[in-house]
Amino acid sequence: MRLYKKYVNEIIDENGILTDISYNVPKDFNFGFDVVDELAKKSPDKKALLWVSEQGEAREFSFRQIKEYSNKTANYFVSRGIKKGDKVMLVLKRRYEFWFSVIALHKIGAIVIPATHQLKKKDYLYRFNKADVSAIVCTPDDGVCEEIEQAMTEYDGIRTKAVIKIKREGWDFFDEEIIAQSIEFERPKGELATKADDVMLMYFTSGTTGYPKIAVHKFDYPIGHITSAVWWHNVDPDGIHCTIADTGWAKAVWGKLYGQWLAETCIFAYDYDKFDAQEMLCMFKKFNITTFCAPPTMYRFFIKEDLKKFDLSSLKYATIAGEALNPEVFKQFKSATGLQLMEGYGQTELTLAVANFLNMTPKPGSMGKPNPQYDVDIIDENGNSVDAGVVGEIVIRTDKKLPPGLFAEYYDDEDKTEEIWNDHVYHTGDTAWKDEDGYYWYVGRTDDMIKSSGYRIGPFEIESVLMEHPAVMECAVTGVPDPIRGQIIKATIVLSKNYQPSDELKKEIQNFVKAQTAPYKYPRIVDFVTELPKTISGKIRRTEIREKH
C-alpha cells in the first residue's frame, strides 16, 4: 500500500473517477519525518530523486540518502542557530540542495521561503523586510550573491548565509558544511516539536499587480497535494515524474516534492538555465520519464518542433497548468503523441482546485471539474451561485470544510486576507463558466475582462482562436480605452519562426479571428512584439500591456 493511503479516505465511482476525499491528518504531522524518513525505512534503496544538469551530469538519490542528507543539513542549520519558527530563504534554482534544505527545515520546524534566482537587490530587500528573513541559502549563478549582498547593506537581519557549488568570502560553503555533519537527527520534542497547524512554508505571490503578498501554508499543506499527484499527474510509483518548474515557485512543490513522494514516485529535476524544447524532448527517452507536467508555454514550444523526430514512448501521461490551455495546443500535442493533455487549475494560495482528473474525458480548453477536496463554486458579484453558461468568479466555500491545501493567511496583512477571504468564501480573482456537464471553462482574471460595446469579453477565448493561426507563437489580448465602444480589443503577438510583421499579416490575423468567432471579438489593434511582458514566474503581465494605453 502506498504511503499516502494512510492519510486519505477516497470515494471512487464505477468509472474509476474520484468523487470525494477526506483526510486523516495527525496533529503532529511533519513531512520530513512522517514521509521522507518513513520511506527511507520502508524502501531505503528506492530512487527518490534523479537530478540532471544542463551539461549532462546526473546524480541519483535514494530515499535513504534523502533522509541522511536532510539530517546532515538540519544539523548544519541548527549549528548556525536556526530554530523552529525562523524564516529561511532558499534561492536554489533546480539544484538537488533544494530538496536537502526543504526537508531539513521542515524537520527543524523553521519556515521555508523559496525564491527565484531572478530577483534583484530591491526584490530581496522587500522580501527580507516583509518576511523577517534570518538566513539564506543560494546558488552563486546569475549574480545572486551580489544582489543579496547589496540588499544586506540595508538589512541587518541575515544571521546565516550559505552558498552552494563554489566558495565565496564571507559565506558558509554549504557543500563542505553538510559533509561534516552527522547523518542522525532526532525528532524534536516538547515545545520544539512541530504541529500540523504550525507555519511551515511562505510563498511570495507572483505580483501581477502591486507588491507581492506572502501566502502562508501550515505543516498539513503537503497532504493537500495528494490529489495533485495521484489523481491528476497520475504518477507511477515505479516511474519517473517531471514537472517543469523553478524551485522558487509554488508549482515546484506541486510537482517536484510533496504529492510525488507521498505517492512514492521518483522525481526528475532537469537543472537547465534556459529552456530548450529540443533538449527537453530528448530527456524523455534518455531517462524514461513516464509522467510530465508543464505550463502551456512549454507545450507551445514543443508543438513548433517536429515531434516525430523524438522518442516519447516512455511518456504515459501528460498534464498542463499555469495558464489556461489553448485547444489548438491540445489538438496538436495529441496528434503528435496520442496523449491528451489533462489541464489543471490552482493558485499559490491553494493546491489543485479544478482539473481533468484521472479517468475523466477531457474537453479541450476546459479546466475540468472541481477537486472534491474543496467546495468550489462560481458566483456573481452579489455572491450568488450562477447557472450553467454564466460567467462568474471562482471561489472556495469554507463554511462546511477547511481541508489541507488552502493557505492560512497573507503574512502580516489582515486587510488583504479579509479582502479575498471573507464570510467563509475565498475569492480566487479568476473568472470562469461551467457547462451542463459541470466542466469549468476559464475566462480570465476579474481585472482582465474587456467591456466593448456592451459585450463582456474574456481575453482567453480570443487568445485561443489566435493560437490556431500558424503565425502565432504567443499572444495576449487586452482592452484599450475607446470613446465610442468603451474598450476595443488589442492583440499583442509574438510571431512563430519564419513569419515577419507586416500590415498584410495583421489583416490576415484579424480576418482569421472574425471567421472563427463572433465578429465583435476580433482585435482592432494588432501589435507584433519580440516577447511578452511576464512576471518572474512566467505569467503574462496583461496589466503592463494595458498601462501603455
Protein backbone atom coordinates (compact mmCIF):
# COMPACT_ATOMS: atom_id res chain seq x y z
CA MET A 1 0.00 0.00 0.00
CA ARG A 2 1.36 3.40 -0.97
CA LEU A 3 2.16 5.69 1.93
CA TYR A 4 -0.38 8.36 1.01
CA LYS A 5 -3.25 5.92 1.67
CA LYS A 6 -2.85 6.28 5.44
CA TYR A 7 -3.79 9.96 5.19
CA VAL A 8 -6.90 9.82 2.98
CA ASN A 9 -10.35 8.32 2.62
CA GLU A 10 -11.23 8.14 -1.09
CA ILE A 11 -14.59 7.50 -2.74
CA ILE A 12 -14.30 6.33 -6.35
CA ASP A 13 -17.19 5.72 -8.74
CA GLU A 14 -17.71 2.81 -11.13
CA ASN A 15 -15.68 4.60 -13.81
CA GLY A 16 -12.67 4.94 -11.56
CA ILE A 17 -13.17 8.67 -11.04
CA LEU A 18 -12.53 10.26 -7.65
CA THR A 19 -15.84 11.66 -6.33
CA ASP A 20 -14.95 12.53 -2.75
CA ILE A 21 -11.95 12.63 -0.48
CA SER A 22 -11.34 13.37 3.19
CA TYR A 23 -8.17 13.47 5.23
CA ASN A 24 -6.64 11.96 8.33
CA VAL A 25 -4.03 14.48 9.41
CA PRO A 26 -2.05 13.63 12.57
CA LYS A 27 -1.81 16.61 14.91
CA ASP A 28 1.98 16.39 14.80
CA PHE A 29 2.33 15.71 11.06
CA ASN A 30 5.74 16.62 9.68
CA PHE A 31 6.57 15.76 6.07
CA GLY A 32 10.26 15.32 6.84
CA PHE A 33 9.79 12.65 9.49
CA ASP A 34 6.44 11.13 8.52
CA VAL A 35 7.03 10.84 4.79
CA VAL A 36 10.74 11.06 3.90
CA ASP A 37 12.01 9.12 6.91
CA GLU A 38 9.17 6.60 6.67
CA LEU A 39 10.03 5.94 3.03
CA ALA A 40 13.70 5.60 3.97
CA LYS A 41 12.60 2.89 6.38
CA LYS A 42 10.11 1.24 4.02
CA SER A 43 12.11 1.40 0.75
CA PRO A 44 15.63 2.62 1.61
CA ASP A 45 17.15 1.95 -1.81
CA LYS A 46 14.21 3.16 -3.90
CA LYS A 47 15.14 6.04 -6.18
CA ALA A 48 13.64 9.28 -4.89
CA LEU A 49 15.35 11.98 -6.97
CA LEU A 50 17.09 11.92 -10.32
CA TRP A 51 18.93 15.19 -10.95
CA VAL A 52 20.47 16.09 -14.31
CA SER A 53 22.48 19.20 -15.12
CA GLU A 54 22.44 21.04 -18.43
CA GLN A 55 25.95 19.71 -19.03
CA GLY A 56 24.75 16.12 -18.67
CA GLU A 57 25.95 15.39 -15.13
CA ALA A 58 23.49 13.07 -13.39
CA ARG A 59 23.04 12.21 -9.73
CA GLU A 60 20.59 9.78 -8.15
CA PHE A 61 19.40 9.86 -4.56
CA SER A 62 17.51 7.09 -2.78
CA PHE A 63 15.03 7.78 0.00
CA ARG A 64 17.69 6.67 2.48
CA GLN A 65 20.11 9.22 1.04
CA ILE A 66 17.50 11.98 1.10
CA LYS A 67 16.94 11.20 4.77
CA GLU A 68 20.67 11.26 5.53
CA TYR A 69 21.43 14.41 3.54
CA SER A 70 18.44 16.23 5.03
CA ASN A 71 19.62 15.21 8.52
CA LYS A 72 23.12 16.50 7.76
CA THR A 73 21.61 19.75 6.51
CA ALA A 74 19.37 20.04 9.58
CA ASN A 75 22.38 19.60 11.84
CA TYR A 76 24.22 22.30 9.91
CA PHE A 77 21.30 24.72 10.24
CA VAL A 78 20.99 24.02 13.97
CA SER A 79 24.75 24.60 14.38
CA ARG A 80 24.16 28.08 12.96
CA GLY A 81 21.40 28.81 15.45
CA ILE A 82 18.45 28.24 13.14
CA LYS A 83 15.48 27.06 15.15
CA LYS A 84 11.76 26.47 14.97
CA GLY A 85 9.93 29.49 13.55
CA ASP A 86 12.98 31.12 11.91
CA LYS A 87 12.46 32.28 8.30
CA VAL A 88 14.97 30.80 5.86
CA MET A 89 15.05 31.78 2.19
CA LEU A 90 16.14 29.25 -0.45
CA VAL A 91 17.32 30.53 -3.85
CA LEU A 92 18.45 27.26 -5.40
CA LYS A 93 17.00 27.07 -8.92
CA ARG A 94 16.66 23.34 -9.66
CA ARG A 95 19.66 22.15 -7.66
CA TYR A 96 19.38 18.99 -5.55
CA GLU A 97 20.43 21.02 -2.48
CA PHE A 98 16.90 22.43 -2.53
CA TRP A 99 15.45 19.06 -1.52
CA PHE A 100 18.06 18.58 1.23
CA SER A 101 17.29 22.04 2.61
CA VAL A 102 13.49 21.94 2.44
CA ILE A 103 13.28 18.61 4.28
CA ALA A 104 15.87 19.75 6.83
CA LEU A 105 13.98 22.94 7.60
CA HIS A 106 10.72 21.00 7.94
CA LYS A 107 12.39 18.70 10.47
CA ILE A 108 13.64 21.66 12.49
CA GLY A 109 10.33 23.48 12.26
CA ALA A 110 11.86 26.52 10.56
CA ILE A 111 9.80 28.34 7.92
CA VAL A 112 10.85 27.83 4.30
CA ILE A 113 10.68 30.78 1.88
CA PRO A 114 11.53 29.64 -1.66
CA ALA A 115 12.56 32.41 -4.06
CA THR A 116 13.59 32.70 -7.68
CA HIS A 117 17.16 33.46 -8.75
CA GLN A 118 15.84 36.27 -10.98
CA LEU A 119 15.36 38.67 -8.06
CA LYS A 120 17.35 41.90 -7.82
CA LYS A 121 18.52 43.95 -4.84
CA LYS A 122 15.22 45.78 -4.36
CA ASP A 123 13.30 42.49 -4.59
CA TYR A 124 15.45 40.88 -1.92
CA LEU A 125 15.28 43.94 0.30
CA TYR A 126 11.48 44.00 0.10
CA ARG A 127 11.27 40.27 0.87
CA PHE A 128 13.82 40.40 3.72
CA ASN A 129 11.94 43.20 5.44
CA LYS A 130 8.44 41.90 4.74
CA ALA A 131 9.13 38.34 5.96
CA ASP A 132 11.80 38.98 8.62
CA VAL A 133 14.23 36.62 6.90
CA SER A 134 17.09 35.47 9.14
CA ALA A 135 19.03 33.04 6.91
CA ILE A 136 19.54 32.30 3.22
CA VAL A 137 20.97 29.50 1.09
CA CYS A 138 21.59 30.33 -2.55
CA THR A 139 23.25 29.45 -5.82
CA PRO A 140 26.16 31.64 -6.97
CA ASP A 141 24.78 31.77 -10.51
CA ASP A 142 23.39 34.85 -12.28
CA GLY A 143 24.82 37.33 -9.77
CA VAL A 144 22.55 36.08 -6.96
CA CYS A 145 25.17 36.51 -4.23
CA GLU A 146 25.98 40.05 -5.36
CA GLU A 147 22.32 41.10 -5.33
CA ILE A 148 21.86 39.61 -1.85
CA GLU A 149 24.98 41.33 -0.55
CA GLN A 150 23.74 44.67 -1.87
CA ALA A 151 20.40 44.16 -0.15
CA MET A 152 22.18 43.25 3.10
CA THR A 153 23.81 46.69 3.19
CA GLU A 154 20.31 47.98 4.05
CA TYR A 155 19.08 44.96 6.05
CA ASP A 156 20.93 43.53 9.03
CA GLY A 157 18.66 40.61 9.88
CA ILE A 158 20.53 37.89 7.97
CA ARG A 159 22.48 35.88 10.55
CA THR A 160 23.48 32.98 8.30
CA LYS A 161 24.19 32.95 4.59
CA ALA A 162 25.40 29.91 2.67
CA VAL A 163 26.31 29.37 -0.96
CA ILE A 164 26.46 26.13 -2.95
CA LYS A 165 28.88 24.93 -5.67
CA ILE A 166 31.77 27.36 -5.12
CA LYS A 167 33.32 29.08 -2.09
CA ARG A 168 32.74 32.77 -1.53
CA GLU A 169 34.36 35.02 1.05
CA GLY A 170 32.08 35.83 3.96
CA TRP A 171 29.67 32.97 3.16
CA ASP A 172 29.38 29.44 4.52
CA PHE A 173 30.25 26.89 1.84
CA PHE A 174 27.16 24.69 2.03
CA ASP A 175 28.74 21.69 0.31
CA GLU A 176 31.55 21.36 2.89
CA GLU A 177 29.41 22.31 5.86
CA ILE A 178 26.89 19.48 5.44
CA ILE A 179 29.52 16.82 4.71
CA ALA A 180 30.95 17.32 8.21
CA GLN A 181 27.60 16.78 9.92
CA SER A 182 26.03 13.64 11.41
CA ILE A 183 23.51 11.61 9.43
CA GLU A 184 21.37 11.33 12.56
CA PHE A 185 18.81 13.98 13.54
CA GLU A 186 16.35 13.26 16.32
CA ARG A 187 12.77 14.39 16.01
CA PRO A 188 12.32 17.45 18.26
CA LYS A 189 10.13 17.03 21.32
CA GLY A 190 8.13 19.28 23.59
CA GLU A 191 7.90 22.92 22.54
CA LEU A 192 10.38 22.37 19.73
CA ALA A 193 8.17 19.75 18.08
CA THR A 194 6.02 20.85 15.14
CA LYS A 195 2.25 20.65 14.93
CA ALA A 196 0.12 20.33 11.82
CA ASP A 197 -1.19 23.87 12.29
CA ASP A 198 2.24 25.49 12.72
CA VAL A 199 3.54 27.66 9.87
CA MET A 200 5.78 25.64 7.54
CA LEU A 201 6.08 27.49 4.25
CA MET A 202 5.68 31.04 2.94
CA TYR A 203 5.44 31.91 -0.74
CA PHE A 204 5.61 35.36 -2.24
CA THR A 205 2.88 35.57 -4.87
CA SER A 206 3.75 36.50 -8.46
CA GLY A 207 2.73 40.12 -8.05
CA THR A 208 0.94 40.76 -11.37
CA THR A 209 -0.31 43.95 -9.74
CA GLY A 210 1.34 45.77 -6.83
CA TYR A 211 3.87 44.29 -4.44
CA PRO A 212 3.86 40.51 -3.90
CA LYS A 213 1.89 39.21 -0.92
CA ILE A 214 3.05 36.30 1.25
CA ALA A 215 0.82 33.22 1.24
CA VAL A 216 1.25 31.24 4.47
CA HIS A 217 0.94 27.45 4.49
CA LYS A 218 0.99 25.15 7.51
CA PHE A 219 2.50 21.73 8.14
CA ASP A 220 -0.60 19.92 6.86
CA TYR A 221 -0.16 21.55 3.42
CA PRO A 222 1.74 18.63 1.78
CA ILE A 223 -1.21 16.30 2.33
CA GLY A 224 -3.32 18.67 0.23
CA HIS A 225 -1.19 17.66 -2.78
CA ILE A 226 -2.22 14.00 -2.78
CA THR A 227 -4.97 14.67 -5.33
CA SER A 228 -2.47 16.60 -7.48
CA ALA A 229 -0.01 13.73 -7.75
CA VAL A 230 -2.28 10.69 -7.64
CA TRP A 231 -5.46 11.83 -9.37
CA TRP A 232 -4.16 14.47 -11.74
CA HIS A 233 -0.50 13.73 -12.56
CA ASN A 234 -1.30 10.01 -12.32
CA VAL A 235 2.21 9.32 -11.08
CA ASP A 236 3.55 5.77 -11.17
CA PRO A 237 5.39 4.54 -8.04
CA ASP A 238 7.67 2.61 -10.40
CA GLY A 239 8.01 5.52 -12.83
CA ILE A 240 9.64 8.94 -13.01
CA HIS A 241 7.73 12.21 -12.85
CA CYS A 242 8.94 15.50 -14.29
CA THR A 243 7.33 18.87 -13.66
CA ILE A 244 8.91 21.88 -15.34
CA ALA A 245 9.24 24.45 -12.56
CA ASP A 246 11.86 26.55 -10.84
CA THR A 247 12.02 25.77 -7.12
CA GLY A 248 11.34 29.44 -6.38
CA TRP A 249 7.68 28.96 -7.22
CA ALA A 250 4.81 27.00 -5.70
CA LYS A 251 4.47 24.84 -8.81
CA ALA A 252 7.71 23.15 -7.76
CA VAL A 253 6.21 21.66 -4.60
CA TRP A 254 3.08 20.81 -6.57
CA GLY A 255 5.07 18.66 -8.97
CA LYS A 256 8.56 18.10 -7.58
CA LEU A 257 8.05 17.19 -3.93
CA TYR A 258 5.04 16.64 -1.70
CA GLY A 259 2.44 14.65 -3.61
CA GLN A 260 5.02 12.75 -5.62
CA TRP A 261 6.86 11.41 -2.58
CA LEU A 262 3.62 10.70 -0.73
CA ALA A 263 2.83 8.53 -3.77
CA GLU A 264 6.39 7.04 -3.63
CA THR A 265 7.37 8.28 -7.09
CA CYS A 266 10.83 9.30 -8.26
CA ILE A 267 11.17 13.00 -9.12
CA PHE A 268 13.13 14.10 -12.19
CA ALA A 269 14.84 17.50 -11.91
CA TYR A 270 16.44 18.96 -15.03
CA ASP A 271 18.70 21.81 -13.96
CA TYR A 272 18.77 23.99 -17.09
CA ASP A 273 19.50 27.71 -17.36
CA LYS A 274 17.32 28.45 -20.36
CA PHE A 275 14.51 26.22 -21.58
CA ASP A 276 15.30 24.49 -24.86
CA ALA A 277 12.43 22.47 -26.32
CA GLN A 278 14.70 20.09 -28.24
CA GLU A 279 16.88 19.39 -25.21
CA MET A 280 13.84 18.68 -23.03
CA LEU A 281 12.27 16.43 -25.66
CA CYS A 282 15.46 14.34 -25.68
CA MET A 283 15.17 13.80 -21.93
CA PHE A 284 12.04 11.65 -22.10
CA LYS A 285 13.66 8.64 -23.73
CA LYS A 286 17.10 9.15 -22.21
CA PHE A 287 15.76 8.98 -18.64
CA ASN A 288 12.50 7.10 -19.26
CA ILE A 289 10.23 9.83 -17.90
CA THR A 290 6.73 8.39 -17.51
CA THR A 291 4.59 11.35 -16.39
CA PHE A 292 5.08 15.02 -17.21
CA CYS A 293 3.62 18.42 -16.35
CA ALA A 294 4.47 21.84 -17.76
CA PRO A 295 2.87 25.23 -18.40
CA PRO A 296 1.26 25.97 -21.80
CA THR A 297 4.29 27.98 -22.92
CA MET A 298 6.48 24.86 -22.87
CA TYR A 299 3.95 22.83 -24.84
CA ARG A 300 3.66 25.67 -27.36
CA PHE A 301 7.41 25.37 -27.95
CA PHE A 302 7.07 21.58 -28.20
CA ILE A 303 4.44 21.64 -30.93
CA LYS A 304 6.52 24.04 -33.01
CA GLU A 305 9.15 21.27 -33.22
CA ASP A 306 8.85 18.16 -35.38
CA LEU A 307 7.77 15.83 -32.57
CA LYS A 308 8.15 12.79 -34.82
CA LYS A 309 11.91 13.19 -34.50
CA PHE A 310 11.81 12.44 -30.78
CA ASP A 311 11.18 9.16 -28.97
CA LEU A 312 8.41 9.88 -26.46
CA SER A 313 7.41 6.24 -25.99
CA SER A 314 8.22 6.25 -22.26
CA LEU A 315 5.71 9.04 -21.63
CA LYS A 316 2.38 7.64 -20.44
CA TYR A 317 0.58 10.71 -19.10
CA ALA A 318 0.82 14.48 -19.59
CA THR A 319 -0.70 17.35 -17.62
CA ILE A 320 -0.68 21.11 -18.00
CA ALA A 321 -1.15 24.10 -15.68
CA GLY A 322 -0.01 27.65 -15.03
CA GLU A 323 -2.25 29.37 -17.56
CA ALA A 324 -5.33 28.32 -19.47
CA LEU A 325 -4.80 25.72 -22.19
CA ASN A 326 -5.50 26.77 -25.77
CA PRO A 327 -7.42 23.99 -27.59
CA GLU A 328 -5.01 24.22 -30.54
CA VAL A 329 -2.13 23.14 -28.29
CA PHE A 330 -4.23 20.22 -27.02
CA LYS A 331 -5.07 19.14 -30.57
CA GLN A 332 -1.54 19.31 -31.96
CA PHE A 333 0.09 17.55 -28.99
CA LYS A 334 -2.44 14.73 -29.13
CA SER A 335 -1.95 14.38 -32.87
CA ALA A 336 1.81 14.04 -32.40
CA THR A 337 1.88 11.82 -29.29
CA GLY A 338 -1.54 10.26 -28.84
CA LEU A 339 -1.68 11.75 -25.35
CA GLN A 340 -4.46 14.00 -24.12
CA LEU A 341 -3.25 16.97 -22.09
CA MET A 342 -5.08 16.95 -18.77
CA GLU A 343 -5.43 20.53 -17.65
CA GLY A 344 -5.46 21.64 -14.01
CA TYR A 345 -6.01 24.91 -12.18
CA GLY A 346 -4.90 26.24 -8.82
CA GLN A 347 -3.02 29.08 -7.17
CA THR A 348 -0.10 29.76 -4.83
CA GLU A 349 -2.76 30.13 -2.13
CA LEU A 350 -4.26 26.73 -2.99
CA THR A 351 -3.40 23.31 -4.24
CA LEU A 352 -5.22 21.86 -7.25
CA ALA A 353 -8.76 23.29 -7.29
CA VAL A 354 -10.13 22.25 -10.68
CA ALA A 355 -8.78 19.60 -13.05
CA ASN A 356 -9.31 16.94 -15.64
CA PHE A 357 -8.77 14.07 -13.24
CA LEU A 358 -7.72 10.50 -13.89
CA ASN A 359 -10.31 8.55 -15.95
CA MET A 360 -12.21 11.71 -16.91
CA THR A 361 -12.73 12.54 -20.58
CA PRO A 362 -11.14 15.95 -21.09
CA LYS A 363 -12.80 18.66 -23.13
CA PRO A 364 -10.07 20.60 -24.96
CA GLY A 365 -9.84 24.07 -23.45
CA SER A 366 -11.71 23.19 -20.26
CA MET A 367 -10.01 23.21 -16.86
CA GLY A 368 -12.06 20.16 -15.91
CA LYS A 369 -14.19 19.70 -12.81
CA PRO A 370 -13.77 20.83 -9.18
CA ASN A 371 -11.44 18.88 -6.94
CA PRO A 372 -13.71 17.13 -4.38
CA GLN A 373 -11.13 18.17 -1.79
CA TYR A 374 -12.65 21.68 -1.93
CA ASP A 375 -16.14 23.16 -2.07
CA VAL A 376 -15.67 25.03 -5.36
CA ASP A 377 -18.31 27.33 -6.84
CA ILE A 378 -18.80 30.08 -9.42
CA ILE A 379 -20.61 33.19 -8.13
CA ASP A 380 -21.87 36.53 -9.39
CA GLU A 381 -20.99 39.95 -7.97
CA ASN A 382 -23.65 39.50 -5.27
CA GLY A 383 -22.19 36.23 -4.07
CA ASN A 384 -24.89 34.01 -5.59
CA SER A 385 -24.10 30.79 -7.44
CA VAL A 386 -24.54 31.19 -11.19
CA ASP A 387 -26.26 28.88 -13.64
CA ALA A 388 -24.50 26.90 -16.35
CA GLY A 389 -23.21 29.14 -19.11
CA VAL A 390 -22.96 32.26 -16.92
CA VAL A 391 -19.54 33.80 -16.27
CA GLY A 392 -18.67 34.43 -12.62
CA GLU A 393 -15.80 34.30 -10.15
CA ILE A 394 -14.31 31.01 -8.99
CA VAL A 395 -14.48 30.76 -5.20
CA ILE A 396 -13.82 28.20 -2.48
CA ARG A 397 -16.51 27.96 0.19
CA THR A 398 -15.04 27.16 3.61
CA ASP A 399 -18.09 27.16 5.90
CA LYS A 400 -18.51 23.37 5.74
CA LYS A 401 -14.94 22.15 5.37
CA LEU A 402 -11.42 23.51 5.50
CA PRO A 403 -9.17 20.80 4.07
CA PRO A 404 -5.37 20.86 3.94
CA GLY A 405 -4.09 22.84 0.98
CA LEU A 406 -5.78 26.21 1.35
CA PHE A 407 -3.44 28.88 2.69
CA ALA A 408 -3.88 30.23 6.22
CA GLU A 409 -3.46 33.95 5.57
CA TYR A 410 -1.35 36.61 3.93
CA TYR A 411 1.53 37.11 6.33
CA ASP A 412 1.24 40.28 8.39
CA ASP A 413 -1.61 41.60 6.23
CA GLU A 414 -5.05 41.18 7.78
CA ASP A 415 -6.64 43.65 5.35
CA LYS A 416 -5.54 41.74 2.24
CA THR A 417 -6.57 38.45 3.80
CA GLU A 418 -10.02 39.79 4.68
CA GLU A 419 -10.37 41.31 1.24
CA ILE A 420 -10.19 37.97 -0.55
CA TRP A 421 -11.37 35.59 2.18
CA ASN A 422 -14.50 36.75 3.97
CA ASP A 423 -17.84 35.30 5.06
CA HIS A 424 -16.29 31.81 4.69
CA VAL A 425 -15.62 32.39 0.98
CA TYR A 426 -12.15 32.53 -0.57
CA HIS A 427 -12.19 34.64 -3.74
CA THR A 428 -9.68 33.46 -6.35
CA GLY A 429 -9.99 36.54 -8.56
CA ASP A 430 -10.35 34.23 -11.60
CA THR A 431 -13.47 34.08 -13.73
CA ALA A 432 -14.96 31.07 -15.47
CA TRP A 433 -18.23 29.47 -16.53
CA LYS A 434 -19.38 25.88 -16.29
CA ASP A 435 -21.21 23.84 -18.89
CA GLU A 436 -24.15 21.48 -18.43
CA ASP A 437 -21.75 18.61 -17.64
CA GLY A 438 -20.07 20.54 -14.83
CA TYR A 439 -16.83 21.29 -16.69
CA TYR A 440 -15.25 24.67 -15.91
CA TRP A 441 -14.04 27.00 -18.69
CA TYR A 442 -11.55 29.71 -17.85
CA VAL A 443 -12.31 33.30 -18.88
CA GLY A 444 -9.65 35.45 -17.20
CA ARG A 445 -8.74 37.46 -14.14
CA THR A 446 -11.52 39.65 -12.84
CA ASP A 447 -9.49 42.71 -13.86
CA ASP A 448 -8.75 41.27 -17.34
CA MET A 449 -12.38 41.37 -18.52
CA ILE A 450 -12.95 43.57 -21.57
CA LYS A 451 -16.19 45.53 -21.92
CA SER A 452 -16.74 46.57 -25.52
CA SER A 453 -19.98 47.98 -26.98
CA GLY A 454 -21.92 46.41 -24.12
CA TYR A 455 -20.27 42.97 -24.50
CA ARG A 456 -18.25 41.33 -21.71
CA ILE A 457 -15.34 39.56 -23.37
CA GLY A 458 -12.76 37.30 -21.73
CA PRO A 459 -9.28 37.55 -23.27
CA PHE A 460 -8.65 33.81 -23.20
CA GLU A 461 -11.34 32.91 -25.75
CA ILE A 462 -9.77 35.27 -28.30
CA GLU A 463 -6.25 34.13 -27.44
CA SER A 464 -7.35 30.54 -28.09
CA VAL A 465 -8.51 31.47 -31.58
CA LEU A 466 -5.32 33.40 -32.27
CA MET A 467 -3.23 30.39 -31.23
CA GLU A 468 -4.79 28.38 -34.06
CA HIS A 469 -3.13 30.64 -36.60
CA PRO A 470 0.28 29.21 -37.61
CA ALA A 471 1.96 32.63 -37.35
CA VAL A 472 1.19 32.99 -33.65
CA MET A 473 3.68 31.63 -31.10
CA GLU A 474 2.34 33.52 -28.07
CA CYS A 475 -0.25 36.23 -27.57
CA ALA A 476 -2.02 38.39 -25.03
CA VAL A 477 -5.37 40.08 -25.51
CA THR A 478 -6.23 43.28 -23.64
CA GLY A 479 -8.73 46.11 -23.75
CA VAL A 480 -7.81 49.59 -24.97
CA PRO A 481 -9.93 52.65 -23.97
CA ASP A 482 -12.16 53.87 -26.78
CA PRO A 483 -14.53 56.88 -26.68
CA ILE A 484 -17.27 55.13 -28.65
CA ARG A 485 -17.10 51.46 -27.66
CA GLY A 486 -15.73 51.90 -24.15
CA GLN A 487 -12.92 49.49 -24.97
CA ILE A 488 -11.63 47.90 -28.13
CA ILE A 489 -9.66 44.67 -28.33
CA LYS A 490 -5.90 44.59 -28.81
CA ALA A 491 -3.81 41.50 -29.60
CA THR A 492 -0.13 41.60 -28.70
CA ILE A 493 1.56 38.80 -30.62
CA VAL A 494 4.92 37.03 -30.69
CA LEU A 495 5.34 35.50 -34.13
CA SER A 496 6.43 31.95 -34.89
CA LYS A 497 9.61 31.19 -36.79
CA ASN A 498 9.63 32.17 -40.48
CA TYR A 499 6.98 34.90 -40.03
CA GLN A 500 7.69 38.62 -40.26
CA PRO A 501 5.49 41.55 -39.10
CA SER A 502 3.50 43.23 -41.86
CA ASP A 503 0.23 45.05 -42.44
CA GLU A 504 -0.87 42.14 -44.62
CA LEU A 505 -0.29 39.68 -41.78
CA LYS A 506 -2.23 41.91 -39.36
CA LYS A 507 -5.20 41.91 -41.71
CA GLU A 508 -4.93 38.16 -42.22
CA ILE A 509 -4.98 37.54 -38.46
CA GLN A 510 -7.93 39.90 -37.94
CA ASN A 511 -9.93 38.15 -40.65
CA PHE A 512 -8.96 34.78 -39.19
CA VAL A 513 -10.47 35.73 -35.82
CA LYS A 514 -13.61 37.12 -37.47
CA ALA A 515 -14.10 33.82 -39.27
CA GLN A 516 -13.62 31.73 -36.13
CA THR A 517 -15.73 33.63 -33.58
CA ALA A 518 -18.25 36.44 -33.21
CA PRO A 519 -17.10 39.46 -35.27
CA TYR A 520 -17.24 41.85 -32.31
CA LYS A 521 -14.41 39.86 -30.72
CA TYR A 522 -11.79 40.48 -33.39
CA PRO A 523 -8.74 42.57 -32.38
CA ARG A 524 -8.96 46.05 -33.92
CA ILE A 525 -5.35 46.59 -32.86
CA VAL A 526 -2.61 44.06 -33.58
CA ASP A 527 0.84 44.67 -32.18
CA PHE A 528 3.77 42.41 -33.07
CA VAL A 529 6.47 42.14 -30.39
CA THR A 530 9.56 40.00 -29.82
CA GLU A 531 8.43 38.96 -26.33
CA LEU A 532 5.53 39.43 -23.93
CA PRO A 533 5.98 41.08 -20.53
CA LYS A 534 5.86 38.42 -17.85
CA THR A 535 6.19 38.07 -14.13
CA ILE A 536 9.33 36.36 -12.87
CA SER A 537 7.20 33.22 -12.54
CA GLY A 538 6.46 33.35 -16.28
CA LYS A 539 2.86 34.57 -16.25
CA ILE A 540 1.88 37.15 -18.85
CA ARG A 541 1.52 40.65 -17.36
CA ARG A 542 -1.52 41.98 -19.21
CA THR A 543 -1.54 44.88 -16.75
CA GLU A 544 1.77 46.09 -18.19
CA ILE A 545 0.35 45.96 -21.71
CA ARG A 546 -2.78 47.84 -20.60
CA GLU A 547 -0.73 50.53 -18.88
CA LYS A 548 0.68 51.60 -22.25
CA HIS A 549 -2.78 52.90 -23.08
